[in-house]
Amino acid sequence: MSDADQIALLRKRLTRMIAVVAVCALVAAGAIVGYLSFHIAWMGALFAVATLTGFGAQIWLVVSFARARPWG
């Protein structure tokens, strides 16, 4: 795989990660409002899952950067 192909693949992964983190942030914000304002207990777990999924997407991106190594 050429460097240009690797960079294109990493850009696609970056876009996916941004989309996943944006969705997770919206879900987490809604869950925390539901949990604290409306006292819906299961939304606490939804907040935790959304937060962990967002962090997982970021870790996935960092690992993919480390594996690709387009700089060397």
PDB file of N, CA and C in Angstrom:
ATOM      1  N   MET A   1       0.851  -1.172   0.000  1.00  0.00           N
ATOM      2  CA  MET A   1       0.000   0.000   0.000  1.00  0.00           C
ATOM      3  C   MET A   1       0.900   1.239   0.000  1.00  0.00           C
ATOM      4  N   SER A   2       0.607   2.159  -0.876  1.00  0.00           N
ATOM      5  CA  SER A   2       1.430   3.359  -0.970  1.00  0.00           C
ATOM      6  C   SER A   2       1.114   4.330   0.162  1.00  0.00           C
ATOM      7  N   ASP A   3       1.976   5.295   0.339  1.00  0.00           N
ATOM      8  CA  ASP A   3       1.764   6.292   1.378  1.00  0.00           C
ATOM      9  C   ASP A   3       0.483   7.086   1.142  1.00  0.00           C
ATOM     10  N   ALA A   4       0.199   7.404  -0.112  1.00  0.00           N
ATOM     11  CA  ALA A   4      -1.020   8.157  -0.427  1.00  0.00           C
ATOM     12  C   ALA A   4      -2.268   7.347  -0.072  1.00  0.00           C
ATOM     13  N   ASP A   5      -2.230   6.042  -0.316  1.00  0.00           N
ATOM     14  CA  ASP A   5      -3.361   5.183   0.038  1.00  0.00           C
ATOM     15  C   ASP A   5      -3.540   5.110   1.552  1.00  0.00           C
ATOM     16  N   GLN A   6      -2.418   5.017   2.275  1.00  0.00           N
ATOM     17  CA  GLN A   6      -2.494   4.971   3.732  1.00  0.00           C
ATOM     18  C   GLN A   6      -3.058   6.270   4.294  1.00  0.00           C
ATOM     19  N   ILE A   7      -2.632   7.383   3.742  1.00  0.00           N
ATOM     20  CA  ILE A   7      -3.129   8.676   4.215  1.00  0.00           C
ATOM     21  C   ILE A   7      -4.618   8.811   3.924  1.00  0.00           C
ATOM     22  N   ALA A   8      -5.053   8.363   2.751  1.00  0.00           N
ATOM     23  CA  ALA A   8      -6.478   8.407   2.426  1.00  0.00           C
ATOM     24  C   ALA A   8      -7.283   7.529   3.375  1.00  0.00           C
ATOM     25  N   LEU A   9      -6.744   6.346   3.689  1.00  0.00           N
ATOM     26  CA  LEU A   9      -7.425   5.463   4.626  1.00  0.00           C
ATOM     27  C   LEU A   9      -7.507   6.084   6.022  1.00  0.00           C
ATOM     28  N   LEU A  10      -6.423   6.712   6.449  1.00  0.00           N
ATOM     29  CA  LEU A  10      -6.427   7.353   7.765  1.00  0.00           C
ATOM     30  C   LEU A  10      -7.399   8.533   7.810  1.00  0.00           C
ATOM     31  N   ARG A  11      -7.528   9.253   6.707  1.00  0.00           N
ATOM     32  CA  ARG A  11      -8.506  10.349   6.661  1.00  0.00           C
ATOM     33  C   ARG A  11      -9.924   9.816   6.791  1.00  0.00           C
ATOM     34  N   LYS A  12     -10.213   8.691   6.136  1.00  0.00           N
ATOM     35  CA  LYS A  12     -11.536   8.076   6.258  1.00  0.00           C
ATOM     36  C   LYS A  12     -11.784   7.641   7.697  1.00  0.00           C
ATOM     37  N   ARG A  13     -10.773   7.070   8.325  1.00  0.00           N
ATOM     38  CA  ARG A  13     -10.918   6.640   9.722  1.00  0.00           C
ATOM     39  C   ARG A  13     -11.124   7.840  10.639  1.00  0.00           C
ATOM     40  N   LEU A  14     -10.423   8.936  10.357  1.00  0.00           N
ATOM     41  CA  LEU A  14     -10.612  10.153  11.143  1.00  0.00           C
ATOM     42  C   LEU A  14     -12.046  10.663  11.016  1.00  0.00           C
ATOM     43  N   THR A  15     -12.570  10.645   9.811  1.00  0.00           N
ATOM     44  CA  THR A  15     -13.948  11.088   9.598  1.00  0.00           C
ATOM     45  C   THR A  15     -14.926  10.192  10.342  1.00  0.00           C
ATOM     46  N   ARG A  16     -14.706   8.885  10.287  1.00  0.00           N
ATOM     47  CA  ARG A  16     -15.576   7.955  11.024  1.00  0.00           C
ATOM     48  C   ARG A  16     -15.497   8.204  12.522  1.00  0.00           C
ATOM     49  N   MET A  17     -14.287   8.412  13.018  1.00  0.00           N
ATOM     50  CA  MET A  17     -14.122   8.649  14.446  1.00  0.00           C
ATOM     51  C   MET A  17     -14.842   9.926  14.865  1.00  0.00           C
ATOM     52  N   ILE A  18     -14.730  10.983  14.081  1.00  0.00           N
ATOM     53  CA  ILE A  18     -15.409  12.238  14.409  1.00  0.00           C
ATOM     54  C   ILE A  18     -16.916  12.026  14.439  1.00  0.00           C
ATOM     55  N   ALA A  19     -17.445  11.273  13.477  1.00  0.00           N
ATOM     56  CA  ALA A  19     -18.883  11.007  13.442  1.00  0.00           C
ATOM     57  C   ALA A  19     -19.333  10.209  14.664  1.00  0.00           C
ATOM     58  N   VAL A  20     -18.573   9.181  15.011  1.00  0.00           N
ATOM     59  CA  VAL A  20     -18.935   8.350  16.169  1.00  0.00           C
ATOM     60  C   VAL A  20     -18.871   9.167  17.453  1.00  0.00           C
ATOM     61  N   VAL A  21     -17.831   9.965  17.610  1.00  0.00           N
ATOM     62  CA  VAL A  21     -17.694  10.770  18.827  1.00  0.00           C
ATOM     63  C   VAL A  21     -18.803  11.817  18.903  1.00  0.00           C
ATOM     64  N   ALA A  22     -19.191  12.398  17.776  1.00  0.00           N
ATOM     65  CA  ALA A  22     -20.273  13.382  17.782  1.00  0.00           C
ATOM     66  C   ALA A  22     -21.596  12.741  18.204  1.00  0.00           C
ATOM     67  N   VAL A  23     -21.885  11.562  17.670  1.00  0.00           N
ATOM     68  CA  VAL A  23     -23.112  10.855  18.051  1.00  0.00           C
ATOM     69  C   VAL A  23     -23.064  10.473  19.531  1.00  0.00           C
ATOM     70  N   CYS A  24     -21.919   9.983  19.978  1.00  0.00           N
ATOM     71  CA  CYS A  24     -21.778   9.605  21.391  1.00  0.00           C
ATOM     72  C   CYS A  24     -21.943  10.807  22.311  1.00  0.00           C
ATOM     73  N   ALA A  25     -21.430  11.952  21.905  1.00  0.00           N
ATOM     74  CA  ALA A  25     -21.568  13.163  22.723  1.00  0.00           C
ATOM     75  C   ALA A  25     -23.035  13.585  22.835  1.00  0.00           C
ATOM     76  N   LEU A  26     -23.757  13.500  21.728  1.00  0.00           N
ATOM     77  CA  LEU A  26     -25.182  13.848  21.770  1.00  0.00           C
ATOM     78  C   LEU A  26     -25.974  12.871  22.631  1.00  0.00           C
ATOM     79  N   VAL A  27     -25.676  11.584  22.487  1.00  0.00           N
ATOM     80  CA  VAL A  27     -26.362  10.572  23.293  1.00  0.00           C
ATOM     81  C   VAL A  27     -26.021  10.755  24.774  1.00  0.00           C
ATOM     82  N   ALA A  28     -24.757  11.001  25.069  1.00  0.00           N
ATOM     83  CA  ALA A  28     -24.340  11.185  26.461  1.00  0.00           C
ATOM     84  C   ALA A  28     -24.991  12.425  27.067  1.00  0.00           C
ATOM     85  N   ALA A  29     -25.073  13.509  26.294  1.00  0.00           N
ATOM     86  CA  ALA A  29     -25.714  14.723  26.805  1.00  0.00           C
ATOM     87  C   ALA A  29     -27.193  14.478  27.096  1.00  0.00           C
ATOM     88  N   GLY A  30     -27.868  13.810  26.179  1.00  0.00           N
ATOM     89  CA  GLY A  30     -29.277  13.486  26.420  1.00  0.00           C
ATOM     90  C   GLY A  30     -29.455  12.549  27.595  1.00  0.00           C
ATOM     91  N   ALA A  31     -28.559  11.595  27.734  1.00  0.00           N
ATOM     92  CA  ALA A  31     -28.654  10.635  28.832  1.00  0.00           C
ATOM     93  C   ALA A  31     -28.425  11.303  30.180  1.00  0.00           C
ATOM     94  N   ILE A  32     -27.473  12.220  30.235  1.00  0.00           N
ATOM     95  CA  ILE A  32     -27.214  12.868  31.523  1.00  0.00           C
ATOM     96  C   ILE A  32     -28.363  13.784  31.915  1.00  0.00           C
ATOM     97  N   VAL A  33     -28.987  14.416  30.935  1.00  0.00           N
ATOM     98  CA  VAL A  33     -30.172  15.240  31.223  1.00  0.00           C
ATOM     99  C   VAL A  33     -31.309  14.350  31.713  1.00  0.00           C
ATOM    100  N   GLY A  34     -31.531  13.240  31.033  1.00  0.00           N
ATOM    101  CA  GLY A  34     -32.588  12.323  31.461  1.00  0.00           C
ATOM    102  C   GLY A  34     -32.326  11.736  32.835  1.00  0.00           C
ATOM    103  N   TYR A  35     -31.074  11.450  33.126  1.00  0.00           N
ATOM    104  CA  TYR A  35     -30.725  10.854  34.411  1.00  0.00           C
ATOM    105  C   TYR A  35     -30.858  11.860  35.552  1.00  0.00           C
ATOM    106  N   LEU A  36     -30.323  13.059  35.355  1.00  0.00           N
ATOM    107  CA  LEU A  36     -30.327  14.037  36.441  1.00  0.00           C
ATOM    108  C   LEU A  36     -31.634  14.825  36.551  1.00  0.00           C
ATOM    109  N   SER A  37     -32.238  15.166  35.424  1.00  0.00           N
ATOM    110  CA  SER A  37     -33.435  16.010  35.470  1.00  0.00           C
ATOM    111  C   SER A  37     -34.719  15.206  35.626  1.00  0.00           C
ATOM    112  N   PHE A  38     -34.797  14.094  34.926  1.00  0.00           N
ATOM    113  CA  PHE A  38     -36.036  13.322  34.924  1.00  0.00           C
ATOM    114  C   PHE A  38     -35.954  12.046  35.749  1.00  0.00           C
ATOM    115  N   HIS A  39     -34.812  11.787  36.351  1.00  0.00           N
ATOM    116  CA  HIS A  39     -34.609  10.651  37.257  1.00  0.00           C
ATOM    117  C   HIS A  39     -34.921   9.314  36.599  1.00  0.00           C
ATOM    118  N   ILE A  40     -34.473   9.150  35.363  1.00  0.00           N
ATOM    119  CA  ILE A  40     -34.624   7.885  34.644  1.00  0.00           C
ATOM    120  C   ILE A  40     -33.326   7.101  34.870  1.00  0.00           C
ATOM    121  N   ALA A  41     -33.426   6.066  35.677  1.00  0.00           N
ATOM    122  CA  ALA A  41     -32.236   5.382  36.173  1.00  0.00           C
ATOM    123  C   ALA A  41     -31.399   4.747  35.070  1.00  0.00           C
ATOM    124  N   TRP A  42     -32.020   4.139  34.070  1.00  0.00           N
ATOM    125  CA  TRP A  42     -31.253   3.429  33.042  1.00  0.00           C
ATOM    126  C   TRP A  42     -30.447   4.376  32.167  1.00  0.00           C
ATOM    127  N   MET A  43     -30.738   5.666  32.218  1.00  0.00           N
ATOM    128  CA  MET A  43     -29.961   6.610  31.418  1.00  0.00           C
ATOM    129  C   MET A  43     -28.559   6.835  31.982  1.00  0.00           C
ATOM    130  N   GLY A  44     -28.356   6.501  33.234  1.00  0.00           N
ATOM    131  CA  GLY A  44     -27.005   6.538  33.791  1.00  0.00           C
ATOM    132  C   GLY A  44     -26.105   5.528  33.096  1.00  0.00           C
ATOM    133  N   ALA A  45     -26.642   4.340  32.860  1.00  0.00           N
ATOM    134  CA  ALA A  45     -25.886   3.314  32.142  1.00  0.00           C
ATOM    135  C   ALA A  45     -25.682   3.710  30.683  1.00  0.00           C
ATOM    136  N   LEU A  46     -26.690   4.325  30.083  1.00  0.00           N
ATOM    137  CA  LEU A  46     -26.556   4.792  28.701  1.00  0.00           C
ATOM    138  C   LEU A  46     -25.464   5.844  28.587  1.00  0.00           C
ATOM    139  N   PHE A  47     -25.376   6.730  29.564  1.00  0.00           N
ATOM    140  CA  PHE A  47     -24.316   7.735  29.588  1.00  0.00           C
ATOM    141  C   PHE A  47     -22.944   7.064  29.640  1.00  0.00           C
ATOM    142  N   ALA A  48     -22.805   6.070  30.499  1.00  0.00           N
ATOM    143  CA  ALA A  48     -21.525   5.362  30.631  1.00  0.00           C
ATOM    144  C   ALA A  48     -21.156   4.651  29.335  1.00  0.00           C
ATOM    145  N   VAL A  49     -22.113   4.002  28.701  1.00  0.00           N
ATOM    146  CA  VAL A  49     -21.844   3.285  27.454  1.00  0.00           C
ATOM    147  C   VAL A  49     -21.465   4.266  26.345  1.00  0.00           C
ATOM    148  N   ALA A  50     -22.177   5.381  26.242  1.00  0.00           N
ATOM    149  CA  ALA A  50     -21.866   6.376  25.215  1.00  0.00           C
ATOM    150  C   ALA A  50     -20.474   6.970  25.429  1.00  0.00           C
ATOM    151  N   THR A  51     -20.133   7.242  26.670  1.00  0.00           N
ATOM    152  CA  THR A  51     -18.816   7.793  26.979  1.00  0.00           C
ATOM    153  C   THR A  51     -17.702   6.800  26.640  1.00  0.00           C
ATOM    154  N   LEU A  52     -17.881   5.559  27.050  1.00  0.00           N
ATOM    155  CA  LEU A  52     -16.868   4.537  26.766  1.00  0.00           C
ATOM    156  C   LEU A  52     -16.747   4.258  25.267  1.00  0.00           C
ATOM    157  N   THR A  53     -17.861   4.309  24.556  1.00  0.00           N
ATOM    158  CA  THR A  53     -17.813   4.106  23.106  1.00  0.00           C
ATOM    159  C   THR A  53     -17.058   5.240  22.424  1.00  0.00           C
ATOM    160  N   GLY A  54     -17.279   6.473  22.865  1.00  0.00           N
ATOM    161  CA  GLY A  54     -16.545   7.610  22.308  1.00  0.00           C
ATOM    162  C   GLY A  54     -15.054   7.503  22.564  1.00  0.00           C
ATOM    163  N   PHE A  55     -14.680   7.120  23.775  1.00  0.00           N
ATOM    164  CA  PHE A  55     -13.264   6.929  24.079  1.00  0.00           C
ATOM    165  C   PHE A  55     -12.688   5.773  23.266  1.00  0.00           C
ATOM    166  N   GLY A  56     -13.472   4.722  23.104  1.00  0.00           N
ATOM    167  CA  GLY A  56     -13.021   3.577  22.309  1.00  0.00           C
ATOM    168  C   GLY A  56     -12.757   3.964  20.859  1.00  0.00           C
ATOM    169  N   ALA A  57     -13.589   4.824  20.314  1.00  0.00           N
ATOM    170  CA  ALA A  57     -13.374   5.284  18.933  1.00  0.00           C
ATOM    171  C   ALA A  57     -12.087   6.085  18.821  1.00  0.00           C
ATOM    172  N   GLN A  58     -11.799   6.881  19.823  1.00  0.00           N
ATOM    173  CA  GLN A  58     -10.562   7.661  19.795  1.00  0.00           C
ATOM    174  C   GLN A  58      -9.337   6.756  19.928  1.00  0.00           C
ATOM    175  N   ILE A  59      -9.418   5.762  20.777  1.00  0.00           N
ATOM    176  CA  ILE A  59      -8.319   4.817  20.935  1.00  0.00           C
ATOM    177  C   ILE A  59      -8.111   4.040  19.642  1.00  0.00           C
ATOM    178  N   TRP A  60      -9.206   3.635  18.987  1.00  0.00           N
ATOM    179  CA  TRP A  60      -9.119   2.930  17.704  1.00  0.00           C
ATOM    180  C   TRP A  60      -8.378   3.774  16.675  1.00  0.00           C
ATOM    181  N   LEU A  61      -8.654   5.075  16.646  1.00  0.00           N
ATOM    182  CA  LEU A  61      -7.980   5.949  15.693  1.00  0.00           C
ATOM    183  C   LEU A  61      -6.485   6.053  16.008  1.00  0.00           C
ATOM    184  N   VAL A  62      -6.136   6.217  17.253  1.00  0.00           N
ATOM    185  CA  VAL A  62      -4.724   6.328  17.631  1.00  0.00           C
ATOM    186  C   VAL A  62      -3.973   5.042  17.296  1.00  0.00           C
ATOM    187  N   VAL A  63      -4.581   3.902  17.553  1.00  0.00           N
ATOM    188  CA  VAL A  63      -3.942   2.627  17.232  1.00  0.00           C
ATOM    189  C   VAL A  63      -3.764   2.483  15.723  1.00  0.00           C
ATOM    190  N   SER A  64      -4.769   2.912  14.958  1.00  0.00           N
ATOM    191  CA  SER A  64      -4.636   2.816  13.504  1.00  0.00           C
ATOM    192  C   SER A  64      -3.543   3.750  12.983  1.00  0.00           C
ATOM    193  N   PHE A  65      -3.375   4.916  13.607  1.00  0.00           N
ATOM    194  CA  PHE A  65      -2.263   5.798  13.246  1.00  0.00           C
ATOM    195  C   PHE A  65      -0.928   5.133  13.553  1.00  0.00           C
ATOM    196  N   ALA A  66      -0.836   4.509  14.703  1.00  0.00           N
ATOM    197  CA  ALA A  66       0.420   3.877  15.096  1.00  0.00           C
ATOM    198  C   ALA A  66       0.775   2.695  14.187  1.00  0.00           C
ATOM    199  N   ARG A  67      -0.226   1.958  13.748  1.00  0.00           N
ATOM    200  CA  ARG A  67       0.039   0.817  12.873  1.00  0.00           C
ATOM    201  C   ARG A  67       0.403   1.249  11.457  1.00  0.00           C
ATOM    202  N   ALA A  68      -0.177   2.334  10.974  1.00  0.00           N
ATOM    203  CA  ALA A  68       0.045   2.754   9.590  1.00  0.00           C
ATOM    204  C   ALA A  68       1.436   3.326   9.393  1.00  0.00           C
ATOM    205  N   ARG A  69       1.863   4.173  10.296  1.00  0.00           N
ATOM    206  CA  ARG A  69       3.183   4.820  10.238  1.00  0.00           C
ATOM    207  C   ARG A  69       3.499   5.367   8.846  1.00  0.00           C
ATOM    208  N   PRO A  70       2.691   6.302   8.325  1.00  0.00           N
ATOM    209  CA  PRO A  70       2.951   6.835   6.987  1.00  0.00           C
ATOM    210  C   PRO A  70       4.194   7.724   6.942  1.00  0.00           C
ATOM    211  N   TRP A  71       4.711   8.099   8.111  1.00  0.00           N
ATOM    212  CA  TRP A  71       5.871   8.990   8.153  1.00  0.00           C
ATOM    213  C   TRP A  71       7.194   8.234   8.082  1.00  0.00           C
ATOM    214  N   GLY A  72       7.182   6.942   8.182  1.00  0.00           N
ATOM    215  CA  GLY A  72       8.463   6.242   8.157  1.00  0.00           C
ATOM    216  C   GLY A  72       8.277   4.811   7.984  1.00  0.00           C
TER     217      GLY A  72
END
